[in-house]
Amino acid sequence: MLDTIPGTVDQYYGPVLNAPGQEILQREESTTWGSMNEFLFSFGGNFGDRLYLGGTFGFPMIRYFRETRYSEIDENNVLNDFNSLQLFERLQTRASGFNMKFGMIVRATDWLRIGGAIHSPTWYSNMQDEWYSELSSSFDNGDRYSERSPVGYYDYKLETPWRAMGSLGFIIAKTALLDLDYEFVDYASSRLRGSDYGFNDENRVIRDNYSETHNFRAGAEYRIGHFALRGGGGYSASPFKNDLNDGEKIYYSGGFGYRDKDFFVDFAWVRSQMNQNYYLYGSENVSVEPADNKFVTNNFMVTFGVRY
């Protein structure tokens, strides 16, 4: 929020930046939801029970929605006749794209498997944003004002990073399995493109603020007859450069399954933890203390299959 300096018509100050104890309350509430679906066409080949090759063509679809309500409230009556200012923003993004995945597994010995895979970027050729905003204010004398923007639309393209993976699998006494995975991702290679705009500044910001990451996963399985017990963990390094933000993620997982010649069923639990700072706003001249967010997710999955 800005206001004119008394006695001027073209000079401004920020009323929210007052002495300690006299600040205007700043608050943001944000809600996001949506979905991501993907149609896959896969193929594979087995060469002498020693070399296994496979590939997938993927067609993902995205629906993403975000509503944000930012408020500045004069709880301490710092400003004369002012009560509150509120900015509401709504964004809707839809997209569809294409990607390719290719991989191989080599059965080096009866107890060792060596794997590798490469995933192409996902090329989203028809990203579309739709948005509008609404600004409202209220005053101590009861006056209220509100103004809503026209609905905006913009079409553009997005290219996500390449990914490369390697894995080692160990079979122990035909009853246990140990798997180690490594993944390399260069988030700085993501790109935005448009038919009427080059996104040069935005892509430079991506290159300057994101980096290469190294992700590690490990899992184990132990079989008891038709039953199997599973557990694992993983670590994803932060994608940010120069300690710009925290983005490390840690995974834990556990599960069990049952298999016979006709069907199988598996249960799994995956827990992830990540810390990340969130800034209400920022510029070269204004900085604010971030909110320190801790994200914890727990996913429960069930897989059922029939062989015929």
C-alpha atoms as a PDB file:
ATOM      1  CA  MET A   1       0.000   0.000   0.000  1.00  0.00           C
ATOM      2  CA  LEU A   2       1.212   3.502  -0.888  1.00  0.00           C
ATOM      3  CA  ASP A   3       0.034   6.937   0.170  1.00  0.00           C
ATOM      4  CA  THR A   4       1.060  10.435  -0.902  1.00  0.00           C
ATOM      5  CA  ILE A   5       3.411  12.383   1.362  1.00  0.00           C
ATOM      6  CA  PRO A   6       1.443  15.309   2.852  1.00  0.00           C
ATOM      7  CA  GLY A   7       1.895  18.442   0.748  1.00  0.00           C
ATOM      8  CA  THR A   8       2.825  16.537  -2.444  1.00  0.00           C
ATOM      9  CA  VAL A   9       0.967  14.922  -5.311  1.00  0.00           C
ATOM     10  CA  ASP A  10       3.770  12.810  -6.846  1.00  0.00           C
ATOM     11  CA  GLN A  11       5.794  11.526  -3.884  1.00  0.00           C
ATOM     12  CA  TYR A  12       4.801   8.444  -1.914  1.00  0.00           C
ATOM     13  CA  TYR A  13       5.637   6.436   1.171  1.00  0.00           C
ATOM     14  CA  GLY A  14       4.650   3.006   2.431  1.00  0.00           C
ATOM     15  CA  PRO A  15       2.324   3.356   5.430  1.00  0.00           C
ATOM     16  CA  VAL A  16       2.976  -0.251   6.453  1.00  0.00           C
ATOM     17  CA  LEU A  17       6.628   0.560   7.280  1.00  0.00           C
ATOM     18  CA  ASN A  18       6.261   2.278  10.640  1.00  0.00           C
ATOM     19  CA  ALA A  19       8.154   2.194  13.915  1.00  0.00           C
ATOM     20  CA  PRO A  20       8.130  -1.066  15.952  1.00  0.00           C
ATOM     21  CA  GLY A  21       4.746  -1.535  17.573  1.00  0.00           C
ATOM     22  CA  GLN A  22       3.080   0.784  15.061  1.00  0.00           C
ATOM     23  CA  GLU A  23       3.083  -1.462  12.013  1.00  0.00           C
ATOM     24  CA  ILE A  24       0.135  -2.247   9.779  1.00  0.00           C
ATOM     25  CA  LEU A  25      -0.773  -5.956   9.959  1.00  0.00           C
ATOM     26  CA  GLN A  26       0.105  -7.765   6.715  1.00  0.00           C
ATOM     27  CA  ARG A  27      -1.457 -11.132   5.998  1.00  0.00           C
ATOM     28  CA  GLU A  28      -1.702 -13.496   3.038  1.00  0.00           C
ATOM     29  CA  GLU A  29      -3.967 -16.515   2.578  1.00  0.00           C
ATOM     30  CA  SER A  30      -3.306 -18.746  -0.426  1.00  0.00           C
ATOM     31  CA  THR A  31      -5.175 -21.832  -1.640  1.00  0.00           C
ATOM     32  CA  THR A  32      -3.980 -24.043  -4.511  1.00  0.00           C
ATOM     33  CA  TRP A  33      -5.521 -27.130  -6.066  1.00  0.00           C
ATOM     34  CA  GLY A  34      -5.552 -29.021  -9.338  1.00  0.00           C
ATOM     35  CA  SER A  35      -4.554 -32.261 -11.042  1.00  0.00           C
ATOM     36  CA  MET A  36      -1.986 -33.783 -13.368  1.00  0.00           C
ATOM     37  CA  ASN A  37      -2.870 -36.749 -15.590  1.00  0.00           C
ATOM     38  CA  GLU A  38      -0.790 -38.578 -18.173  1.00  0.00           C
ATOM     39  CA  PHE A  39      -1.536 -41.023 -20.992  1.00  0.00           C
ATOM     40  CA  LEU A  40       1.349 -43.435 -21.648  1.00  0.00           C
ATOM     41  CA  PHE A  41       2.292 -45.629 -24.615  1.00  0.00           C
ATOM     42  CA  SER A  42       5.046 -48.053 -23.597  1.00  0.00           C
ATOM     43  CA  PHE A  43       7.053 -50.796 -25.268  1.00  0.00           C
ATOM     44  CA  GLY A  44       9.831 -53.152 -24.184  1.00  0.00           C
ATOM     45  CA  GLY A  45      12.111 -55.930 -25.347  1.00  0.00           C
ATOM     46  CA  ASN A  46      14.035 -58.836 -23.798  1.00  0.00           C
ATOM     47  CA  PHE A  47      17.292 -59.971 -25.377  1.00  0.00           C
ATOM     48  CA  GLY A  48      18.512 -63.338 -24.112  1.00  0.00           C
ATOM     49  CA  ASP A  49      17.329 -62.667 -20.563  1.00  0.00           C
ATOM     50  CA  ARG A  50      20.412 -60.443 -20.221  1.00  0.00           C
ATOM     51  CA  LEU A  51      19.427 -57.100 -21.728  1.00  0.00           C
ATOM     52  CA  TYR A  52      16.049 -55.439 -21.243  1.00  0.00           C
ATOM     53  CA  LEU A  53      15.108 -52.285 -23.165  1.00  0.00           C
ATOM     54  CA  GLY A  54      12.034 -50.117 -22.818  1.00  0.00           C
ATOM     55  CA  GLY A  55      10.556 -46.805 -23.775  1.00  0.00           C
ATOM     56  CA  THR A  56       7.525 -44.645 -23.112  1.00  0.00           C
ATOM     57  CA  PHE A  57       5.817 -41.791 -24.906  1.00  0.00           C
ATOM     58  CA  GLY A  58       3.890 -39.645 -22.439  1.00  0.00           C
ATOM     59  CA  PHE A  59       1.133 -37.074 -22.930  1.00  0.00           C
ATOM     60  CA  PRO A  60       0.610 -35.174 -19.630  1.00  0.00           C
ATOM     61  CA  MET A  61      -2.226 -32.760 -18.893  1.00  0.00           C
ATOM     62  CA  ILE A  62      -2.236 -30.078 -16.180  1.00  0.00           C
ATOM     63  CA  ARG A  63      -5.017 -28.210 -14.382  1.00  0.00           C
ATOM     64  CA  TYR A  64      -3.808 -25.757 -11.718  1.00  0.00           C
ATOM     65  CA  PHE A  65      -5.747 -23.174  -9.709  1.00  0.00           C
ATOM     66  CA  ARG A  66      -4.555 -20.614  -7.156  1.00  0.00           C
ATOM     67  CA  GLU A  67      -6.475 -18.057  -5.128  1.00  0.00           C
ATOM     68  CA  THR A  68      -4.551 -15.531  -3.035  1.00  0.00           C
ATOM     69  CA  ARG A  69      -5.937 -12.943  -0.660  1.00  0.00           C
ATOM     70  CA  TYR A  70      -3.449 -10.317   0.566  1.00  0.00           C
ATOM     71  CA  SER A  71      -4.542  -7.887   3.309  1.00  0.00           C
ATOM     72  CA  GLU A  72      -3.137  -4.857   5.112  1.00  0.00           C
ATOM     73  CA  ILE A  73      -5.116  -4.030   8.244  1.00  0.00           C
ATOM     74  CA  ASP A  74      -4.763  -1.021  10.570  1.00  0.00           C
ATOM     75  CA  GLU A  75      -5.325  -2.853  13.857  1.00  0.00           C
ATOM     76  CA  ASN A  76      -3.519  -0.220  15.975  1.00  0.00           C
ATOM     77  CA  ASN A  77      -5.220   2.834  14.382  1.00  0.00           C
ATOM     78  CA  VAL A  78      -1.886   4.082  13.080  1.00  0.00           C
ATOM     79  CA  LEU A  79      -3.513   5.788  10.070  1.00  0.00           C
ATOM     80  CA  ASN A  80      -6.356   8.254  10.281  1.00  0.00           C
ATOM     81  CA  ASP A  81      -9.651   7.075   8.796  1.00  0.00           C
ATOM     82  CA  PHE A  82      -8.104   3.888   7.309  1.00  0.00           C
ATOM     83  CA  ASN A  83      -9.291   0.373   8.191  1.00  0.00           C
ATOM     84  CA  SER A  84      -8.076  -2.178   5.624  1.00  0.00           C
ATOM     85  CA  LEU A  85      -6.902  -2.844   2.074  1.00  0.00           C
ATOM     86  CA  GLN A  86      -7.367  -6.216   0.382  1.00  0.00           C
ATOM     87  CA  LEU A  87      -6.056  -7.623  -2.906  1.00  0.00           C
ATOM     88  CA  PHE A  88      -7.649 -10.835  -4.236  1.00  0.00           C
ATOM     89  CA  GLU A  89      -6.048 -12.689  -7.155  1.00  0.00           C
ATOM     90  CA  ARG A  90      -7.216 -15.799  -9.010  1.00  0.00           C
ATOM     91  CA  LEU A  91      -5.084 -17.750 -11.481  1.00  0.00           C
ATOM     92  CA  GLN A  92      -6.053 -20.735 -13.609  1.00  0.00           C
ATOM     93  CA  THR A  93      -3.488 -22.647 -15.709  1.00  0.00           C
ATOM     94  CA  ARG A  94      -4.210 -25.422 -18.187  1.00  0.00           C
ATOM     95  CA  ALA A  95      -1.710 -27.250 -20.366  1.00  0.00           C
ATOM     96  CA  SER A  96      -0.910 -30.438 -22.246  1.00  0.00           C
ATOM     97  CA  GLY A  97       2.465 -31.704 -23.388  1.00  0.00           C
ATOM     98  CA  PHE A  98       4.668 -34.507 -24.648  1.00  0.00           C
ATOM     99  CA  ASN A  99       7.710 -36.358 -23.286  1.00  0.00           C
ATOM    100  CA  MET A 100       9.810 -39.476 -23.897  1.00  0.00           C
ATOM    101  CA  LYS A 101      11.481 -41.918 -21.516  1.00  0.00           C
ATOM    102  CA  PHE A 102      14.010 -44.604 -22.453  1.00  0.00           C
ATOM    103  CA  GLY A 103      15.725 -47.113 -20.196  1.00  0.00           C
ATOM    104  CA  MET A 104      17.664 -50.344 -19.996  1.00  0.00           C
ATOM    105  CA  ILE A 105      18.529 -53.060 -17.484  1.00  0.00           C
ATOM    106  CA  VAL A 106      21.526 -55.356 -17.796  1.00  0.00           C
ATOM    107  CA  ARG A 107      21.509 -58.647 -15.860  1.00  0.00           C
ATOM    108  CA  ALA A 108      25.259 -58.719 -15.321  1.00  0.00           C
ATOM    109  CA  THR A 109      25.118 -61.784 -13.070  1.00  0.00           C
ATOM    110  CA  ASP A 110      22.400 -63.786 -11.376  1.00  0.00           C
ATOM    111  CA  TRP A 111      22.627 -61.447  -8.386  1.00  0.00           C
ATOM    112  CA  LEU A 112      23.433 -58.045  -9.982  1.00  0.00           C
ATOM    113  CA  ARG A 113      21.266 -55.770 -12.128  1.00  0.00           C
ATOM    114  CA  ILE A 114      22.597 -52.525 -13.678  1.00  0.00           C
ATOM    115  CA  GLY A 115      20.098 -49.993 -14.974  1.00  0.00           C
ATOM    116  CA  GLY A 116      20.055 -46.631 -16.680  1.00  0.00           C
ATOM    117  CA  ALA A 117      17.409 -44.276 -18.038  1.00  0.00           C
ATOM    118  CA  ILE A 118      17.030 -40.891 -19.608  1.00  0.00           C
ATOM    119  CA  HIS A 119      13.891 -38.751 -19.543  1.00  0.00           C
ATOM    120  CA  SER A 120      13.422 -35.992 -22.070  1.00  0.00           C
ATOM    121  CA  PRO A 121      12.013 -32.619 -21.106  1.00  0.00           C
ATOM    122  CA  THR A 122       8.268 -32.326 -21.120  1.00  0.00           C
ATOM    123  CA  TRP A 123       7.410 -29.892 -23.878  1.00  0.00           C
ATOM    124  CA  TYR A 124       4.223 -28.050 -22.943  1.00  0.00           C
ATOM    125  CA  SER A 125       3.300 -26.327 -26.203  1.00  0.00           C
ATOM    126  CA  ASN A 126      -0.025 -24.843 -25.157  1.00  0.00           C
ATOM    127  CA  MET A 127       0.270 -23.437 -21.645  1.00  0.00           C
ATOM    128  CA  GLN A 128      -2.603 -21.028 -21.000  1.00  0.00           C
ATOM    129  CA  ASP A 129      -3.025 -18.700 -18.023  1.00  0.00           C
ATOM    130  CA  GLU A 130      -6.320 -17.037 -17.162  1.00  0.00           C
ATOM    131  CA  TRP A 131      -6.470 -14.559 -14.292  1.00  0.00           C
ATOM    132  CA  TYR A 132      -8.157 -11.569 -12.708  1.00  0.00           C
ATOM    133  CA  SER A 133      -7.701  -9.493  -9.563  1.00  0.00           C
ATOM    134  CA  GLU A 134      -9.936  -7.448  -7.293  1.00  0.00           C
ATOM    135  CA  LEU A 135      -8.842  -4.575  -5.034  1.00  0.00           C
ATOM    136  CA  SER A 136     -11.028  -3.378  -2.155  1.00  0.00           C
ATOM    137  CA  SER A 137     -10.623  -0.984   0.754  1.00  0.00           C
ATOM    138  CA  SER A 138     -12.587   0.073   3.817  1.00  0.00           C
ATOM    139  CA  PHE A 139     -12.393   3.140   6.080  1.00  0.00           C
ATOM    140  CA  ASP A 140     -13.248   4.016   9.651  1.00  0.00           C
ATOM    141  CA  ASN A 141     -16.225   6.127   8.562  1.00  0.00           C
ATOM    142  CA  GLY A 142     -17.849   3.103   6.896  1.00  0.00           C
ATOM    143  CA  ASP A 143     -16.889   3.896   3.275  1.00  0.00           C
ATOM    144  CA  ARG A 144     -15.998   0.893   1.120  1.00  0.00           C
ATOM    145  CA  TYR A 145     -14.591   0.731  -2.408  1.00  0.00           C
ATOM    146  CA  SER A 146     -13.994  -2.184  -4.758  1.00  0.00           C
ATOM    147  CA  GLU A 147     -12.625  -2.540  -8.277  1.00  0.00           C
ATOM    148  CA  ARG A 148     -12.246  -5.716 -10.349  1.00  0.00           C
ATOM    149  CA  SER A 149      -9.878  -6.088 -13.287  1.00  0.00           C
ATOM    150  CA  PRO A 150     -10.800  -7.504 -16.691  1.00  0.00           C
ATOM    151  CA  VAL A 151     -10.023 -11.211 -17.162  1.00  0.00           C
ATOM    152  CA  GLY A 152      -6.567 -11.704 -18.657  1.00  0.00           C
ATOM    153  CA  TYR A 153      -5.375 -14.523 -20.930  1.00  0.00           C
ATOM    154  CA  TYR A 154      -1.923 -15.514 -22.123  1.00  0.00           C
ATOM    155  CA  ASP A 155      -0.605 -18.485 -24.125  1.00  0.00           C
ATOM    156  CA  TYR A 156       3.030 -19.584 -23.880  1.00  0.00           C
ATOM    157  CA  LYS A 157       5.325 -22.633 -23.865  1.00  0.00           C
ATOM    158  CA  LEU A 158       7.243 -24.388 -21.103  1.00  0.00           C
ATOM    159  CA  GLU A 159      10.173 -26.825 -21.309  1.00  0.00           C
ATOM    160  CA  THR A 160      11.075 -28.783 -18.168  1.00  0.00           C
ATOM    161  CA  PRO A 161      14.585 -30.211 -17.469  1.00  0.00           C
ATOM    162  CA  TRP A 162      16.182 -33.386 -18.802  1.00  0.00           C
ATOM    163  CA  ARG A 163      16.692 -36.186 -16.286  1.00  0.00           C
ATOM    164  CA  ALA A 164      19.297 -38.963 -16.201  1.00  0.00           C
ATOM    165  CA  MET A 165      19.179 -41.960 -13.851  1.00  0.00           C
ATOM    166  CA  GLY A 166      21.311 -44.927 -12.901  1.00  0.00           C
ATOM    167  CA  SER A 167      20.579 -47.862 -10.609  1.00  0.00           C
ATOM    168  CA  LEU A 168      22.108 -50.969  -9.068  1.00  0.00           C
ATOM    169  CA  GLY A 169      20.028 -53.931  -7.918  1.00  0.00           C
ATOM    170  CA  PHE A 170      21.316 -56.763  -5.742  1.00  0.00           C
ATOM    171  CA  ILE A 171      19.499 -60.089  -5.269  1.00  0.00           C
ATOM    172  CA  ILE A 172      20.482 -61.754  -2.016  1.00  0.00           C
ATOM    173  CA  ALA A 173      19.882 -65.493  -1.561  1.00  0.00           C
ATOM    174  CA  LYS A 174      16.781 -65.278  -3.818  1.00  0.00           C
ATOM    175  CA  THR A 175      14.776 -63.878  -0.871  1.00  0.00           C
ATOM    176  CA  ALA A 176      15.932 -60.272  -0.552  1.00  0.00           C
ATOM    177  CA  LEU A 177      16.426 -57.371  -2.948  1.00  0.00           C
ATOM    178  CA  LEU A 178      18.439 -54.157  -2.441  1.00  0.00           C
ATOM    179  CA  ASP A 179      18.128 -51.292  -4.927  1.00  0.00           C
ATOM    180  CA  LEU A 180      20.195 -48.071  -5.141  1.00  0.00           C
ATOM    181  CA  ASP A 181      19.170 -45.216  -7.462  1.00  0.00           C
ATOM    182  CA  TYR A 182      20.823 -41.959  -8.505  1.00  0.00           C
ATOM    183  CA  GLU A 183      19.170 -39.143 -10.464  1.00  0.00           C
ATOM    184  CA  PHE A 184      20.625 -36.004 -12.039  1.00  0.00           C
ATOM    185  CA  VAL A 185      18.427 -32.989 -12.864  1.00  0.00           C
ATOM    186  CA  ASP A 186      19.491 -29.547 -14.076  1.00  0.00           C
ATOM    187  CA  TYR A 187      16.656 -27.200 -13.098  1.00  0.00           C
ATOM    188  CA  ALA A 188      18.535 -24.242 -14.599  1.00  0.00           C
ATOM    189  CA  SER A 189      17.791 -25.659 -18.062  1.00  0.00           C
ATOM    190  CA  SER A 190      14.034 -25.019 -17.761  1.00  0.00           C
ATOM    191  CA  ARG A 191      12.778 -22.532 -20.319  1.00  0.00           C
ATOM    192  CA  LEU A 192       9.736 -20.355 -21.028  1.00  0.00           C
ATOM    193  CA  ARG A 193       8.874 -19.283 -24.586  1.00  0.00           C
ATOM    194  CA  GLY A 194       6.177 -17.238 -26.245  1.00  0.00           C
ATOM    195  CA  SER A 195       5.098 -16.339 -29.756  1.00  0.00           C
ATOM    196  CA  ASP A 196       5.088 -12.590 -28.996  1.00  0.00           C
ATOM    197  CA  TYR A 197       7.567 -12.395 -26.102  1.00  0.00           C
ATOM    198  CA  GLY A 198      11.057 -13.808 -25.642  1.00  0.00           C
ATOM    199  CA  PHE A 199      11.050 -14.386 -21.847  1.00  0.00           C
ATOM    200  CA  ASN A 200      14.736 -13.388 -21.856  1.00  0.00           C
ATOM    201  CA  ASP A 201      14.667 -11.836 -18.382  1.00  0.00           C
ATOM    202  CA  GLU A 202      12.631 -14.673 -16.891  1.00  0.00           C
ATOM    203  CA  ASN A 203      14.911 -17.354 -18.350  1.00  0.00           C
ATOM    204  CA  ARG A 204      17.950 -15.455 -17.064  1.00  0.00           C
ATOM    205  CA  VAL A 205      16.420 -15.478 -13.571  1.00  0.00           C
ATOM    206  CA  ILE A 206      15.934 -19.264 -13.879  1.00  0.00           C
ATOM    207  CA  ARG A 207      19.584 -19.726 -14.886  1.00  0.00           C
ATOM    208  CA  ASP A 208      20.831 -17.436 -12.099  1.00  0.00           C
ATOM    209  CA  ASN A 209      18.744 -18.890  -9.268  1.00  0.00           C
ATOM    210  CA  TYR A 210      18.428 -22.617 -10.003  1.00  0.00           C
ATOM    211  CA  SER A 211      21.114 -25.285 -10.214  1.00  0.00           C
ATOM    212  CA  GLU A 212      21.903 -28.912 -10.888  1.00  0.00           C
ATOM    213  CA  THR A 213      20.685 -31.390  -8.281  1.00  0.00           C
ATOM    214  CA  HIS A 214      21.672 -34.911  -7.287  1.00  0.00           C
ATOM    215  CA  ASN A 215      18.954 -37.159  -5.903  1.00  0.00           C
ATOM    216  CA  PHE A 216      19.490 -40.486  -4.145  1.00  0.00           C
ATOM    217  CA  ARG A 217      17.059 -43.304  -3.318  1.00  0.00           C
ATOM    218  CA  ALA A 218      17.469 -46.710  -1.698  1.00  0.00           C
ATOM    219  CA  GLY A 219      14.988 -49.513  -1.140  1.00  0.00           C
ATOM    220  CA  ALA A 220      14.910 -53.077   0.128  1.00  0.00           C
ATOM    221  CA  GLU A 221      12.483 -55.992  -0.102  1.00  0.00           C
ATOM    222  CA  TYR A 222      12.377 -59.246   1.808  1.00  0.00           C
ATOM    223  CA  ARG A 223      10.195 -62.152   0.648  1.00  0.00           C
ATOM    224  CA  ILE A 224       8.500 -64.703   2.868  1.00  0.00           C
ATOM    225  CA  GLY A 225       6.647 -67.110   0.612  1.00  0.00           C
ATOM    226  CA  HIS A 226       3.982 -65.166  -1.233  1.00  0.00           C
ATOM    227  CA  PHE A 227       4.430 -62.122   1.026  1.00  0.00           C
ATOM    228  CA  ALA A 228       6.965 -59.297   0.722  1.00  0.00           C
ATOM    229  CA  LEU A 229       8.027 -56.583   3.174  1.00  0.00           C
ATOM    230  CA  ARG A 230       9.478 -53.319   1.806  1.00  0.00           C
ATOM    231  CA  GLY A 231      11.204 -50.204   3.103  1.00  0.00           C
ATOM    232  CA  GLY A 232      13.229 -47.340   1.709  1.00  0.00           C
ATOM    233  CA  GLY A 233      14.298 -43.741   1.804  1.00  0.00           C
ATOM    234  CA  GLY A 234      15.515 -40.941  -0.385  1.00  0.00           C
ATOM    235  CA  TYR A 235      17.136 -37.530  -0.479  1.00  0.00           C
ATOM    236  CA  SER A 236      16.604 -34.753  -3.039  1.00  0.00           C
ATOM    237  CA  ALA A 237      19.074 -31.866  -2.968  1.00  0.00           C
ATOM    238  CA  SER A 238      17.904 -28.257  -3.052  1.00  0.00           C
ATOM    239  CA  PRO A 239      17.400 -26.888  -6.581  1.00  0.00           C
ATOM    240  CA  PHE A 240      18.347 -23.328  -5.509  1.00  0.00           C
ATOM    241  CA  LYS A 241      21.704 -21.609  -5.938  1.00  0.00           C
ATOM    242  CA  ASN A 242      23.639 -19.628  -3.325  1.00  0.00           C
ATOM    243  CA  ASP A 243      21.386 -20.635  -0.413  1.00  0.00           C
ATOM    244  CA  LEU A 244      18.616 -18.559  -1.998  1.00  0.00           C
ATOM    245  CA  ASN A 245      16.092 -20.853  -0.329  1.00  0.00           C
ATOM    246  CA  ASP A 246      15.882 -24.270   1.212  1.00  0.00           C
ATOM    247  CA  GLY A 247      14.483 -26.995  -1.002  1.00  0.00           C
ATOM    248  CA  GLU A 248      15.967 -30.225   0.303  1.00  0.00           C
ATOM    249  CA  LYS A 249      13.473 -33.065   0.533  1.00  0.00           C
ATOM    250  CA  ILE A 250      13.726 -36.292   2.540  1.00  0.00           C
ATOM    251  CA  TYR A 251      11.569 -39.372   1.871  1.00  0.00           C
ATOM    252  CA  TYR A 252      10.705 -42.432   3.956  1.00  0.00           C
ATOM    253  CA  SER A 253       8.648 -45.360   2.742  1.00  0.00           C
ATOM    254  CA  GLY A 254       7.341 -48.714   3.866  1.00  0.00           C
ATOM    255  CA  GLY A 255       4.950 -51.339   2.606  1.00  0.00           C
ATOM    256  CA  PHE A 256       4.039 -54.952   2.014  1.00  0.00           C
ATOM    257  CA  GLY A 257       2.530 -57.061  -0.739  1.00  0.00           C
ATOM    258  CA  TYR A 258       1.128 -60.439  -1.712  1.00  0.00           C
ATOM    259  CA  ARG A 259       1.729 -62.220  -5.055  1.00  0.00           C
ATOM    260  CA  ASP A 260       0.759 -65.555  -6.554  1.00  0.00           C
ATOM    261  CA  LYS A 261       0.463 -66.805 -10.123  1.00  0.00           C
ATOM    262  CA  ASP A 262      -2.939 -65.200 -10.755  1.00  0.00           C
ATOM    263  CA  PHE A 263      -2.905 -61.776  -9.045  1.00  0.00           C
ATOM    264  CA  PHE A 264      -0.924 -59.406  -6.828  1.00  0.00           C
ATOM    265  CA  VAL A 265      -1.731 -56.617  -4.369  1.00  0.00           C
ATOM    266  CA  ASP A 266       0.660 -54.072  -2.832  1.00  0.00           C
ATOM    267  CA  PHE A 267       0.304 -51.471  -0.091  1.00  0.00           C
ATOM    268  CA  ALA A 268       2.765 -48.582   0.343  1.00  0.00           C
ATOM    269  CA  TRP A 269       3.251 -45.515   2.546  1.00  0.00           C
ATOM    270  CA  VAL A 270       5.530 -42.612   1.575  1.00  0.00           C
ATOM    271  CA  ARG A 271       6.340 -39.687   3.881  1.00  0.00           C
ATOM    272  CA  SER A 272       8.249 -36.616   2.686  1.00  0.00           C
ATOM    273  CA  GLN A 273       9.573 -33.567   4.544  1.00  0.00           C
ATOM    274  CA  MET A 274      10.752 -30.239   3.154  1.00  0.00           C
ATOM    275  CA  ASN A 275      11.487 -26.770   4.571  1.00  0.00           C
ATOM    276  CA  GLN A 276      11.105 -23.667   2.441  1.00  0.00           C
ATOM    277  CA  ASN A 277      10.919 -19.909   3.055  1.00  0.00           C
ATOM    278  CA  TYR A 278       8.065 -17.851   1.644  1.00  0.00           C
ATOM    279  CA  TYR A 279       8.279 -14.091   1.039  1.00  0.00           C
ATOM    280  CA  LEU A 280       5.140 -11.940   0.859  1.00  0.00           C
ATOM    281  CA  TYR A 281       6.956  -9.567  -1.479  1.00  0.00           C
ATOM    282  CA  GLY A 282      10.380  -8.058  -2.095  1.00  0.00           C
ATOM    283  CA  SER A 283      12.287  -5.549  -4.193  1.00  0.00           C
ATOM    284  CA  GLU A 284      15.695  -3.874  -4.343  1.00  0.00           C
ATOM    285  CA  ASN A 285      14.589  -1.317  -1.754  1.00  0.00           C
ATOM    286  CA  VAL A 286      12.248  -3.341   0.454  1.00  0.00           C
ATOM    287  CA  SER A 287      12.880  -6.655   2.188  1.00  0.00           C
ATOM    288  CA  VAL A 288      10.661  -8.584   4.582  1.00  0.00           C
ATOM    289  CA  GLU A 289      11.259 -11.470   6.940  1.00  0.00           C
ATOM    290  CA  PRO A 290      10.146 -14.734   5.312  1.00  0.00           C
ATOM    291  CA  ALA A 291       7.697 -17.254   6.679  1.00  0.00           C
ATOM    292  CA  ASP A 292       9.563 -20.475   7.498  1.00  0.00           C
ATOM    293  CA  ASN A 293       7.321 -23.250   6.158  1.00  0.00           C
ATOM    294  CA  LYS A 294       7.710 -26.937   6.888  1.00  0.00           C
ATOM    295  CA  PHE A 295       5.892 -29.256   4.477  1.00  0.00           C
ATOM    296  CA  VAL A 296       5.102 -32.820   5.525  1.00  0.00           C
ATOM    297  CA  THR A 297       3.134 -35.154   3.251  1.00  0.00           C
ATOM    298  CA  ASN A 298       1.949 -38.711   3.802  1.00  0.00           C
ATOM    299  CA  ASN A 299       0.792 -40.722   0.777  1.00  0.00           C
ATOM    300  CA  PHE A 300      -0.864 -44.128   0.974  1.00  0.00           C
ATOM    301  CA  MET A 301      -1.068 -46.235  -2.187  1.00  0.00           C
ATOM    302  CA  VAL A 302      -2.676 -49.518  -3.181  1.00  0.00           C
ATOM    303  CA  THR A 303      -1.884 -51.452  -6.374  1.00  0.00           C
ATOM    304  CA  PHE A 304      -3.891 -54.460  -7.571  1.00  0.00           C
ATOM    305  CA  GLY A 305      -3.162 -56.548 -10.667  1.00  0.00           C
ATOM    306  CA  VAL A 306      -4.402 -59.703 -12.396  1.00  0.00           C
ATOM    307  CA  ARG A 307      -2.303 -61.935 -14.658  1.00  0.00           C
ATOM    308  CA  TYR A 308      -3.906 -63.728 -17.604  1.00  0.00           C
END
